[in-house]
Amino acid sequence: MTRLLSFKLPSGLFSSLETTSKQEGVSKGALVRKALEKFLNKPTSESEQIKKITKGLLMRKKISAPKIDWDYLREKVSAKQQLTPEEEVLASRRRNL
């Protein structure tokens, strides 16, 4: 789940963020997220977790993967409404709109 956060920046910091964003070819939001993850030392995005795991595997280090709550997943999957193939196609089309 992503959450929205709004905050004010001093002009100089905003200018630096904007310049770096253009140089790196990424959004300002992506730069802020990356900086926060690095500062807090907690990669939260899935791609960052994959990078961390891959790096650990390449370095043959023991890594800790996120714990999976299998009971929660089973409950979520079993609670899903059983649809006919035609209903599934219609639902899929509605999700893509």
C-alpha atoms as a PDB file:
ATOM      1  CA  MET A   1       0.000   0.000   0.000  1.00  0.00           C
ATOM      2  CA  THR A   2       1.342   3.408  -0.873  1.00  0.00           C
ATOM      3  CA  ARG A   3       0.531   6.508   1.131  1.00  0.00           C
ATOM      4  CA  LEU A   4       0.634  10.153   0.100  1.00  0.00           C
ATOM      5  CA  LEU A   5       2.889  12.578   1.943  1.00  0.00           C
ATOM      6  CA  SER A   6       3.048  16.313   1.268  1.00  0.00           C
ATOM      7  CA  PHE A   7       5.698  18.616   2.674  1.00  0.00           C
ATOM      8  CA  LYS A   8       7.436  21.919   1.991  1.00  0.00           C
ATOM      9  CA  LEU A   9      11.078  22.271   0.922  1.00  0.00           C
ATOM     10  CA  PRO A  10      13.364  25.298   1.018  1.00  0.00           C
ATOM     11  CA  SER A  11      13.917  26.751  -2.469  1.00  0.00           C
ATOM     12  CA  GLY A  12      17.570  25.669  -2.640  1.00  0.00           C
ATOM     13  CA  LEU A  13      16.773  22.061  -1.728  1.00  0.00           C
ATOM     14  CA  PHE A  14      13.897  21.954  -4.204  1.00  0.00           C
ATOM     15  CA  SER A  15      16.166  23.301  -6.959  1.00  0.00           C
ATOM     16  CA  SER A  16      18.754  20.608  -6.189  1.00  0.00           C
ATOM     17  CA  LEU A  17      16.045  17.956  -6.249  1.00  0.00           C
ATOM     18  CA  GLU A  18      14.709  19.219  -9.568  1.00  0.00           C
ATOM     19  CA  THR A  19      18.195  19.372 -11.148  1.00  0.00           C
ATOM     20  CA  THR A  20      19.119  15.880  -9.978  1.00  0.00           C
ATOM     21  CA  SER A  21      15.768  14.557 -11.144  1.00  0.00           C
ATOM     22  CA  LYS A  22      16.410  15.852 -14.664  1.00  0.00           C
ATOM     23  CA  GLN A  23      20.025  14.606 -14.699  1.00  0.00           C
ATOM     24  CA  GLU A  24      19.092  11.114 -13.505  1.00  0.00           C
ATOM     25  CA  GLY A  25      15.957  10.921 -15.632  1.00  0.00           C
ATOM     26  CA  VAL A  26      13.729   9.935 -12.698  1.00  0.00           C
ATOM     27  CA  SER A  27      10.860  11.652 -10.956  1.00  0.00           C
ATOM     28  CA  LYS A  28      11.351  13.853  -7.913  1.00  0.00           C
ATOM     29  CA  GLY A  29       9.183  11.457  -5.919  1.00  0.00           C
ATOM     30  CA  ALA A  30      11.389   8.499  -6.861  1.00  0.00           C
ATOM     31  CA  LEU A  31      14.480  10.408  -5.714  1.00  0.00           C
ATOM     32  CA  VAL A  32      12.873  11.329  -2.396  1.00  0.00           C
ATOM     33  CA  ARG A  33      11.751   7.710  -1.820  1.00  0.00           C
ATOM     34  CA  LYS A  34      15.236   6.400  -2.608  1.00  0.00           C
ATOM     35  CA  ALA A  35      16.865   8.963  -0.299  1.00  0.00           C
ATOM     36  CA  LEU A  36      14.477   8.109   2.540  1.00  0.00           C
ATOM     37  CA  GLU A  37      15.044   4.383   2.089  1.00  0.00           C
ATOM     38  CA  LYS A  38      18.804   4.923   2.160  1.00  0.00           C
ATOM     39  CA  PHE A  39      18.622   7.243   5.181  1.00  0.00           C
ATOM     40  CA  LEU A  40      16.328   4.897   7.105  1.00  0.00           C
ATOM     41  CA  ASN A  41      18.239   1.848   5.807  1.00  0.00           C
ATOM     42  CA  LYS A  42      14.938   0.141   5.065  1.00  0.00           C
ATOM     43  CA  PRO A  43      14.322  -0.673   1.414  1.00  0.00           C
ATOM     44  CA  THR A  44      10.558  -0.756   1.130  1.00  0.00           C
ATOM     45  CA  SER A  45       9.933  -1.064  -2.566  1.00  0.00           C
ATOM     46  CA  GLU A  46       9.720  -4.528  -4.039  1.00  0.00           C
ATOM     47  CA  SER A  47      12.439  -3.754  -6.576  1.00  0.00           C
ATOM     48  CA  GLU A  48      14.772  -2.596  -3.791  1.00  0.00           C
ATOM     49  CA  GLN A  49      14.112  -5.809  -1.847  1.00  0.00           C
ATOM     50  CA  ILE A  50      14.871  -7.864  -4.968  1.00  0.00           C
ATOM     51  CA  LYS A  51      18.115  -5.932  -5.482  1.00  0.00           C
ATOM     52  CA  LYS A  52      19.107  -6.512  -1.851  1.00  0.00           C
ATOM     53  CA  ILE A  53      18.400 -10.249  -2.070  1.00  0.00           C
ATOM     54  CA  THR A  54      20.209 -10.563  -5.415  1.00  0.00           C
ATOM     55  CA  LYS A  55      23.256  -8.713  -4.087  1.00  0.00           C
ATOM     56  CA  GLY A  56      23.342 -10.976  -1.040  1.00  0.00           C
ATOM     57  CA  LEU A  57      23.105 -14.090  -3.184  1.00  0.00           C
ATOM     58  CA  LEU A  58      25.896 -12.893  -5.458  1.00  0.00           C
ATOM     59  CA  MET A  59      28.089 -12.214  -2.437  1.00  0.00           C
ATOM     60  CA  ARG A  60      27.040 -15.609  -0.971  1.00  0.00           C
ATOM     61  CA  LYS A  61      25.808 -13.921   2.179  1.00  0.00           C
ATOM     62  CA  LYS A  62      23.013 -15.257   4.302  1.00  0.00           C
ATOM     63  CA  ILE A  63      20.037 -12.974   3.777  1.00  0.00           C
ATOM     64  CA  SER A  64      16.734 -12.551   5.485  1.00  0.00           C
ATOM     65  CA  ALA A  65      13.794 -12.636   3.139  1.00  0.00           C
ATOM     66  CA  PRO A  66      10.512 -11.031   4.165  1.00  0.00           C
ATOM     67  CA  LYS A  67       8.362 -13.383   6.220  1.00  0.00           C
ATOM     68  CA  ILE A  68       5.292 -14.602   4.356  1.00  0.00           C
ATOM     69  CA  ASP A  69       1.999 -14.895   6.170  1.00  0.00           C
ATOM     70  CA  TRP A  70       0.692 -18.018   4.432  1.00  0.00           C
ATOM     71  CA  ASP A  71      -2.528 -18.133   6.492  1.00  0.00           C
ATOM     72  CA  TYR A  72      -3.387 -14.594   5.400  1.00  0.00           C
ATOM     73  CA  LEU A  73      -2.725 -15.463   1.752  1.00  0.00           C
ATOM     74  CA  ARG A  74      -4.820 -18.653   1.935  1.00  0.00           C
ATOM     75  CA  GLU A  75      -7.673 -16.704   3.501  1.00  0.00           C
ATOM     76  CA  LYS A  76      -7.468 -13.964   0.878  1.00  0.00           C
ATOM     77  CA  VAL A  77      -7.409 -16.446  -2.014  1.00  0.00           C
ATOM     78  CA  SER A  78     -10.204 -18.630  -0.636  1.00  0.00           C
ATOM     79  CA  ALA A  79     -12.375 -15.576   0.026  1.00  0.00           C
ATOM     80  CA  LYS A  80     -12.129 -14.581  -3.627  1.00  0.00           C
ATOM     81  CA  GLN A  81     -15.404 -14.969  -5.427  1.00  0.00           C
ATOM     82  CA  GLN A  82     -15.546 -17.914  -7.829  1.00  0.00           C
ATOM     83  CA  LEU A  83     -16.347 -16.551 -11.294  1.00  0.00           C
ATOM     84  CA  THR A  84     -17.191 -18.261 -14.543  1.00  0.00           C
ATOM     85  CA  PRO A  85     -14.644 -17.752 -17.330  1.00  0.00           C
ATOM     86  CA  GLU A  86     -16.945 -15.197 -18.977  1.00  0.00           C
ATOM     87  CA  GLU A  87     -17.346 -13.261 -15.722  1.00  0.00           C
ATOM     88  CA  GLU A  88     -13.584 -13.365 -15.168  1.00  0.00           C
ATOM     89  CA  VAL A  89     -12.989 -11.839 -18.640  1.00  0.00           C
ATOM     90  CA  LEU A  90     -15.503  -9.068 -17.926  1.00  0.00           C
ATOM     91  CA  ALA A  91     -13.977  -8.364 -14.506  1.00  0.00           C
ATOM     92  CA  SER A  92     -10.512  -8.283 -16.046  1.00  0.00           C
ATOM     93  CA  ARG A  93     -11.624  -5.796 -18.675  1.00  0.00           C
ATOM     94  CA  ARG A  94     -13.182  -3.576 -15.999  1.00  0.00           C
ATOM     95  CA  ARG A  95      -9.938  -3.568 -13.978  1.00  0.00           C
ATOM     96  CA  ASN A  96      -7.940  -2.446 -17.024  1.00  0.00           C
ATOM     97  CA  LEU A  97     -10.153   0.557 -17.738  1.00  0.00           C
END
